[in-house]
Structure formats: C-alpha cells, structure tokens
C-alpha cells in the first residue's frame, strides 16, 4: 500500500522518516549522535551514521555543523 501511495518501498519510507526526525534532533537539540541513534531505535550508532551518510552524503556531525553555521550567518 505504501508503494502505491508514495512510490517507495516500506523500508525506504521508514528510513526517510527516520532521517527527517534525525535532522530535527540534530538541528534543535544538543543530544549526541549516539543518543539520537538510540532514540530512533538503532542498536548501534554506527548503523545510524552509515544510513544518514548514505541518504544525505554528509555525516550527522557534518549536518549539525553545517546547520549551525548557516544559522549564524
């Protein structure tokens, strides 16, 4: 059903939602990347880092640093 509505597999849809929530946490909180990974249900922070980088081509820390540098400008 998700594929017919979104054109994505259920796994892709879930991953995209996780990444959106991760971006929110990285932008709006001071939680560590590991804390964010655990909150999102990852057993290992490395798995979260790998997925994040695969989807956005930047690590979670690079995303956070880039976000904060854009805000300061």
PDB file of N, CA and C in Angstrom:
ATOM      1  N   UNK A   1       0.815  -1.188   0.000  1.00  0.00           N
ATOM      2  CA  UNK A   1       0.000   0.000   0.000  1.00  0.00           C
ATOM      3  C   UNK A   1       0.868   1.264   0.000  1.00  0.00           C
ATOM      4  N   UNK A   2       1.945   1.255   0.779  1.00  0.00           N
ATOM      5  CA  UNK A   2       2.821   2.437   0.821  1.00  0.00           C
ATOM      6  C   UNK A   2       3.415   2.711  -0.550  1.00  0.00           C
ATOM      7  N   UNK A   3       3.817   1.655  -1.248  1.00  0.00           N
ATOM      8  CA  UNK A   3       4.402   1.849  -2.584  1.00  0.00           C
ATOM      9  C   UNK A   3       3.398   2.526  -3.509  1.00  0.00           C
ATOM     10  N   UNK A   4       2.128   2.136  -3.443  1.00  0.00           N
ATOM     11  CA  UNK A   4       1.137   2.738  -4.334  1.00  0.00           C
ATOM     12  C   UNK A   4       0.877   4.199  -3.985  1.00  0.00           C
ATOM     13  N   UNK A   5       1.035   4.561  -2.714  1.00  0.00           N
ATOM     14  CA  UNK A   5       0.806   5.945  -2.301  1.00  0.00           C
ATOM     15  C   UNK A   5       2.023   6.843  -2.490  1.00  0.00           C
ATOM     16  N   UNK A   6       3.217   6.288  -2.231  1.00  0.00           N
ATOM     17  CA  UNK A   6       4.419   7.126  -2.221  1.00  0.00           C
ATOM     18  C   UNK A   6       5.409   6.792  -3.327  1.00  0.00           C
ATOM     19  N   UNK A   7       5.280   5.608  -3.920  1.00  0.00           N
ATOM     20  CA  UNK A   7       6.265   5.174  -4.909  1.00  0.00           C
ATOM     21  C   UNK A   7       7.519   4.604  -4.270  1.00  0.00           C
ATOM     22  N   UNK A   8       7.510   4.484  -2.947  1.00  0.00           N
ATOM     23  CA  UNK A   8       8.664   3.971  -2.207  1.00  0.00           C
ATOM     24  C   UNK A   8       8.301   2.647  -1.553  1.00  0.00           C
ATOM     25  N   UNK A   9       9.318   1.846  -1.302  1.00  0.00           N
ATOM     26  CA  UNK A   9       9.091   0.645  -0.514  1.00  0.00           C
ATOM     27  C   UNK A   9       8.854   1.073   0.936  1.00  0.00           C
ATOM     28  N   UNK A  10       8.314   0.165   1.737  1.00  0.00           N
ATOM     29  CA  UNK A  10       8.095   0.468   3.152  1.00  0.00           C
ATOM     30  C   UNK A  10       9.419   0.805   3.828  1.00  0.00           C
ATOM     31  N   UNK A  11      10.474   0.066   3.487  1.00  0.00           N
ATOM     32  CA  UNK A  11      11.788   0.324   4.083  1.00  0.00           C
ATOM     33  C   UNK A  11      12.287   1.724   3.738  1.00  0.00           C
ATOM     34  N   UNK A  12      12.166   2.121   2.481  1.00  0.00           N
ATOM     35  CA  UNK A  12      12.605   3.464   2.079  1.00  0.00           C
ATOM     36  C   UNK A  12      11.805   4.536   2.806  1.00  0.00           C
ATOM     37  N   UNK A  13      10.513   4.319   2.913  1.00  0.00           N
ATOM     38  CA  UNK A  13       9.640   5.286   3.581  1.00  0.00           C
ATOM     39  C   UNK A  13      10.028   5.432   5.055  1.00  0.00           C
ATOM     40  N   UNK A  14      10.247   4.318   5.730  1.00  0.00           N
ATOM     41  CA  UNK A  14      10.650   4.344   7.137  1.00  0.00           C
ATOM     42  C   UNK A  14      11.995   5.042   7.297  1.00  0.00           C
ATOM     43  N   UNK A  15      12.948   4.708   6.426  1.00  0.00           N
ATOM     44  CA  UNK A  15      14.266   5.339   6.502  1.00  0.00           C
ATOM     45  C   UNK A  15      14.163   6.847   6.297  1.00  0.00           C
ATOM     46  N   UNK A  16      13.354   7.276   5.354  1.00  0.00           N
ATOM     47  CA  UNK A  16      13.189   8.715   5.118  1.00  0.00           C
ATOM     48  C   UNK A  16      12.593   9.412   6.337  1.00  0.00           C
ATOM     49  N   UNK A  17      11.626   8.768   6.982  1.00  0.00           N
ATOM     50  CA  UNK A  17      11.026   9.343   8.194  1.00  0.00           C
ATOM     51  C   UNK A  17      12.055   9.411   9.325  1.00  0.00           C
ATOM     52  N   UNK A  18      12.880   8.364   9.465  1.00  0.00           N
ATOM     53  CA  UNK A  18      13.938   8.368  10.482  1.00  0.00           C
ATOM     54  C   UNK A  18      14.925   9.503  10.228  1.00  0.00           C
ATOM     55  N   UNK A  19      15.300   9.697   8.974  1.00  0.00           N
ATOM     56  CA  UNK A  19      16.250  10.761   8.627  1.00  0.00           C
ATOM     57  C   UNK A  19      15.650  12.131   8.918  1.00  0.00           C
ATOM     58  N   UNK A  20      14.384  12.320   8.616  1.00  0.00           N
ATOM     59  CA  UNK A  20      13.736  13.599   8.916  1.00  0.00           C
ATOM     60  C   UNK A  20      13.742  13.873  10.409  1.00  0.00           C
ATOM     61  N   UNK A  21      13.432  12.855  11.213  1.00  0.00           N
ATOM     62  CA  UNK A  21      13.450  13.013  12.672  1.00  0.00           C
ATOM     63  C   UNK A  21      14.877  13.273  13.151  1.00  0.00           C
ATOM     64  N   UNK A  22      15.846  12.590  12.577  1.00  0.00           N
ATOM     65  CA  UNK A  22      17.246  12.792  12.956  1.00  0.00           C
ATOM     66  C   UNK A  22      17.675  14.226  12.649  1.00  0.00           C
ATOM     67  N   UNK A  23      17.286  14.748  11.505  1.00  0.00           N
ATOM     68  CA  UNK A  23      17.625  16.124  11.146  1.00  0.00           C
ATOM     69  C   UNK A  23      17.027  17.106  12.156  1.00  0.00           C
ATOM     70  N   UNK A  24      15.820  16.802  12.602  1.00  0.00           N
ATOM     71  CA  UNK A  24      15.172  17.620  13.624  1.00  0.00           C
ATOM     72  C   UNK A  24      15.983  17.613  14.920  1.00  0.00           C
ATOM     73  N   UNK A  25      16.331  16.407  15.387  1.00  0.00           N
ATOM     74  CA  UNK A  25      17.125  16.290  16.610  1.00  0.00           C
ATOM     75  C   UNK A  25      18.474  17.002  16.464  1.00  0.00           C
ATOM     76  N   UNK A  26      19.126  16.822  15.330  1.00  0.00           N
ATOM     77  CA  UNK A  26      20.446  17.429  15.121  1.00  0.00           C
ATOM     78  C   UNK A  26      20.357  18.953  15.071  1.00  0.00           C
ATOM     79  N   UNK A  27      19.262  19.460  14.562  1.00  0.00           N
ATOM     80  CA  UNK A  27      19.097  20.906  14.407  1.00  0.00           C
ATOM     81  C   UNK A  27      18.620  21.594  15.681  1.00  0.00           C
ATOM     82  N   UNK A  28      17.807  20.895  16.460  1.00  0.00           N
ATOM     83  CA  UNK A  28      17.110  21.557  17.559  1.00  0.00           C
ATOM     84  C   UNK A  28      17.535  21.136  18.956  1.00  0.00           C
ATOM     85  N   UNK A  29      18.401  20.127  19.065  1.00  0.00           N
ATOM     86  CA  UNK A  29      18.814  19.661  20.389  1.00  0.00           C
ATOM     87  C   UNK A  29      20.336  19.589  20.469  1.00  0.00           C
ATOM     88  N   UNK A  30      20.812  19.377  21.671  1.00  0.00           N
ATOM     89  CA  UNK A  30      22.240  19.153  21.890  1.00  0.00           C
ATOM     90  C   UNK A  30      22.530  17.684  22.160  1.00  0.00           C
ATOM     91  N   UNK A  31      21.588  16.803  21.839  1.00  0.00           N
ATOM     92  CA  UNK A  31      21.809  15.371  22.032  1.00  0.00           C
ATOM     93  C   UNK A  31      23.002  14.921  21.202  1.00  0.00           C
ATOM     94  N   UNK A  32      23.756  13.975  21.732  1.00  0.00           N
ATOM     95  CA  UNK A  32      24.864  13.427  20.948  1.00  0.00           C
ATOM     96  C   UNK A  32      24.297  12.586  19.813  1.00  0.00           C
ATOM     97  N   UNK A  33      25.113  12.321  18.827  1.00  0.00           N
ATOM     98  CA  UNK A  33      24.690  11.487  17.704  1.00  0.00           C
ATOM     99  C   UNK A  33      24.299  10.104  18.210  1.00  0.00           C
ATOM    100  N   UNK A  34      25.046   9.574  19.162  1.00  0.00           N
ATOM    101  CA  UNK A  34      24.716   8.257  19.725  1.00  0.00           C
ATOM    102  C   UNK A  34      23.354   8.293  20.413  1.00  0.00           C
ATOM    103  N   UNK A  35      23.074   9.346  21.177  1.00  0.00           N
ATOM    104  CA  UNK A  35      21.773   9.457  21.846  1.00  0.00           C
ATOM    105  C   UNK A  35      20.638   9.518  20.827  1.00  0.00           C
ATOM    106  N   UNK A  36      20.854  10.240  19.760  1.00  0.00           N
ATOM    107  CA  UNK A  36      19.847  10.331  18.702  1.00  0.00           C
ATOM    108  C   UNK A  36      19.641   8.959  18.071  1.00  0.00           C
ATOM    109  N   UNK A  37      20.729   8.272  17.788  1.00  0.00           N
ATOM    110  CA  UNK A  37      20.631   6.936  17.195  1.00  0.00           C
ATOM    111  C   UNK A  37      19.796   6.015  18.076  1.00  0.00           C
ATOM    112  N   UNK A  38      20.074   6.010  19.372  1.00  0.00           N
ATOM    113  CA  UNK A  38      19.319   5.154  20.296  1.00  0.00           C
ATOM    114  C   UNK A  38      17.847   5.563  20.352  1.00  0.00           C
ATOM    115  N   UNK A  39      17.580   6.847  20.370  1.00  0.00           N
ATOM    116  CA  UNK A  39      16.184   7.323  20.397  1.00  0.00           C
ATOM    117  C   UNK A  39      15.410   6.895  19.155  1.00  0.00           C
ATOM    118  N   UNK A  40      16.124   6.795  18.048  1.00  0.00           N
ATOM    119  CA  UNK A  40      15.475   6.406  16.793  1.00  0.00           C
ATOM    120  C   UNK A  40      15.402   4.888  16.622  1.00  0.00           C
ATOM    121  N   UNK A  41      15.895   4.157  17.617  1.00  0.00           N
ATOM    122  CA  UNK A  41      15.750   2.705  17.586  1.00  0.00           C
ATOM    123  C   UNK A  41      16.928   1.937  17.043  1.00  0.00           C
ATOM    124  N   UNK A  42      18.040   2.616  16.811  1.00  0.00           N
ATOM    125  CA  UNK A  42      19.229   1.929  16.323  1.00  0.00           C
ATOM    126  C   UNK A  42      19.953   1.284  17.491  1.00  0.00           C
ATOM    127  N   UNK A  43      20.348   0.040  17.315  1.00  0.00           N
ATOM    128  CA  UNK A  43      21.101  -0.654  18.358  1.00  0.00           C
ATOM    129  C   UNK A  43      22.537  -0.154  18.411  1.00  0.00           C
ATOM    130  N   UNK A  44      23.066   0.201  17.238  1.00  0.00           N
ATOM    131  CA  UNK A  44      24.448   0.653  17.134  1.00  0.00           C
ATOM    132  C   UNK A  44      24.487   2.018  16.446  1.00  0.00           C
ATOM    133  N   UNK A  45      25.105   3.018  17.076  1.00  0.00           N
ATOM    134  CA  UNK A  45      25.197   4.338  16.447  1.00  0.00           C
ATOM    135  C   UNK A  45      25.877   4.301  15.077  1.00  0.00           C
ATOM    136  N   UNK A  46      26.802   3.354  14.874  1.00  0.00           N
ATOM    137  CA  UNK A  46      27.487   3.265  13.581  1.00  0.00           C
ATOM    138  C   UNK A  46      26.496   2.974  12.446  1.00  0.00           C
ATOM    139  N   UNK A  47      25.472   2.183  12.740  1.00  0.00           N
ATOM    140  CA  UNK A  47      24.453   1.876  11.729  1.00  0.00           C
ATOM    141  C   UNK A  47      23.677   3.134  11.362  1.00  0.00           C
ATOM    142  N   UNK A  48      23.379   3.936  12.368  1.00  0.00           N
ATOM    143  CA  UNK A  48      22.697   5.209  12.124  1.00  0.00           C
ATOM    144  C   UNK A  48      23.565   6.132  11.282  1.00  0.00           C
ATOM    145  N   UNK A  49      24.843   6.247  11.650  1.00  0.00           N
ATOM    146  CA  UNK A  49      25.770   7.104  10.892  1.00  0.00           C
ATOM    147  C   UNK A  49      25.842   6.678   9.436  1.00  0.00           C
ATOM    148  N   UNK A  50      25.916   5.383   9.217  1.00  0.00           N
ATOM    149  CA  UNK A  50      26.033   4.850   7.858  1.00  0.00           C
ATOM    150  C   UNK A  50      24.781   5.176   7.036  1.00  0.00           C
ATOM    151  N   UNK A  51      23.603   4.976   7.612  1.00  0.00           N
ATOM    152  CA  UNK A  51      22.360   5.289   6.905  1.00  0.00           C
ATOM    153  C   UNK A  51      22.261   6.781   6.625  1.00  0.00           C
ATOM    154  N   UNK A  52      22.566   7.605   7.618  1.00  0.00           N
ATOM    155  CA  UNK A  52      22.475   9.052   7.462  1.00  0.00           C
ATOM    156  C   UNK A  52      23.386   9.517   6.328  1.00  0.00           C
ATOM    157  N   UNK A  53      24.617   9.039   6.336  1.00  0.00           N
ATOM    158  CA  UNK A  53      25.575   9.447   5.311  1.00  0.00           C
ATOM    159  C   UNK A  53      25.148   8.949   3.926  1.00  0.00           C
ATOM    160  N   UNK A  54      24.604   7.747   3.881  1.00  0.00           N
ATOM    161  CA  UNK A  54      24.136   7.191   2.603  1.00  0.00           C
ATOM    162  C   UNK A  54      23.005   8.049   2.025  1.00  0.00           C
ATOM    163  N   UNK A  55      22.111   8.503   2.883  1.00  0.00           N
ATOM    164  CA  UNK A  55      20.950   9.270   2.420  1.00  0.00           C
ATOM    165  C   UNK A  55      21.284  10.733   2.096  1.00  0.00           C
ATOM    166  N   UNK A  56      22.195  11.347   2.882  1.00  0.00           N
ATOM    167  CA  UNK A  56      22.435  12.787   2.736  1.00  0.00           C
ATOM    168  C   UNK A  56      23.837  13.156   2.258  1.00  0.00           C
ATOM    169  N   UNK A  57      24.706  12.168   2.132  1.00  0.00           N
ATOM    170  CA  UNK A  57      26.089  12.413   1.699  1.00  0.00           C
ATOM    171  C   UNK A  57      26.895  13.274   2.668  1.00  0.00           C
ATOM    172  N   UNK A  58      26.429  13.393   3.891  1.00  0.00           N
ATOM    173  CA  UNK A  58      27.190  14.028   4.975  1.00  0.00           C
ATOM    174  C   UNK A  58      26.923  13.231   6.245  1.00  0.00           C
ATOM    175  N   UNK A  59      27.873  13.259   7.152  1.00  0.00           N
ATOM    176  CA  UNK A  59      27.671  12.569   8.425  1.00  0.00           C
ATOM    177  C   UNK A  59      26.719  13.392   9.293  1.00  0.00           C
ATOM    178  N   UNK A  60      26.150  12.795  10.330  1.00  0.00           N
ATOM    179  CA  UNK A  60      25.298  13.575  11.231  1.00  0.00           C
ATOM    180  C   UNK A  60      26.019  14.783  11.832  1.00  0.00           C
ATOM    181  N   UNK A  61      27.278  14.609  12.211  1.00  0.00           N
ATOM    182  CA  UNK A  61      28.018  15.751  12.775  1.00  0.00           C
ATOM    183  C   UNK A  61      28.231  16.843  11.739  1.00  0.00           C
ATOM    184  N   UNK A  62      28.553  16.457  10.510  1.00  0.00           N
ATOM    185  CA  UNK A  62      28.726  17.450   9.442  1.00  0.00           C
ATOM    186  C   UNK A  62      27.416  18.190   9.192  1.00  0.00           C
ATOM    187  N   UNK A  63      26.311  17.464   9.230  1.00  0.00           N
ATOM    188  CA  UNK A  63      25.000  18.095   9.056  1.00  0.00           C
ATOM    189  C   UNK A  63      24.764  19.117  10.161  1.00  0.00           C
ATOM    190  N   UNK A  64      25.016  18.723  11.408  1.00  0.00           N
ATOM    191  CA  UNK A  64      24.803  19.621  12.550  1.00  0.00           C
ATOM    192  C   UNK A  64      25.689  20.863  12.423  1.00  0.00           C
ATOM    193  N   UNK A  65      26.960  20.676  12.101  1.00  0.00           N
ATOM    194  CA  UNK A  65      27.879  21.811  11.966  1.00  0.00           C
ATOM    195  C   UNK A  65      27.434  22.733  10.837  1.00  0.00           C
ATOM    196  N   UNK A  66      27.019  22.162   9.729  1.00  0.00           N
ATOM    197  CA  UNK A  66      26.543  22.961   8.606  1.00  0.00           C
ATOM    198  C   UNK A  66      25.280  23.723   8.946  1.00  0.00           C
ATOM    199  N   UNK A  67      24.383  23.079   9.671  1.00  0.00           N
ATOM    200  CA  UNK A  67      23.135  23.730  10.074  1.00  0.00           C
ATOM    201  C   UNK A  67      23.429  24.915  10.985  1.00  0.00           C
ATOM    202  N   UNK A  68      24.273  24.710  11.969  1.00  0.00           N
ATOM    203  CA  UNK A  68      24.581  25.782  12.913  1.00  0.00           C
ATOM    204  C   UNK A  68      25.373  26.910  12.262  1.00  0.00           C
ATOM    205  N   UNK A  69      26.218  26.604  11.299  1.00  0.00           N
ATOM    206  CA  UNK A  69      26.963  27.669  10.631  1.00  0.00           C
ATOM    207  C   UNK A  69      26.019  28.499   9.739  1.00  0.00           C
ATOM    208  N   UNK A  70      24.981  27.859   9.166  1.00  0.00           N
ATOM    209  CA  UNK A  70      24.008  28.609   8.355  1.00  0.00           C
ATOM    210  C   UNK A  70      23.173  29.541   9.231  1.00  0.00           C
ATOM    211  N   UNK A  71      22.884  29.125  10.453  1.00  0.00           N
ATOM    212  CA  UNK A  71      22.070  29.939  11.368  1.00  0.00           C
ATOM    213  C   UNK A  71      22.839  31.184  11.793  1.00  0.00           C
ATOM    214  N   UNK A  72      24.143  31.062  12.005  1.00  0.00           N
ATOM    215  CA  UNK A  72      24.957  32.176  12.479  1.00  0.00           C
ATOM    216  C   UNK A  72      25.124  33.256  11.419  1.00  0.00           C
ATOM    217  N   UNK A  73      24.922  32.907  10.173  1.00  0.00           N
ATOM    218  CA  UNK A  73      25.133  33.886   9.089  1.00  0.00           C
ATOM    219  C   UNK A  73      23.986  34.854   8.957  1.00  0.00           C
TER     220      UNK A  73
END
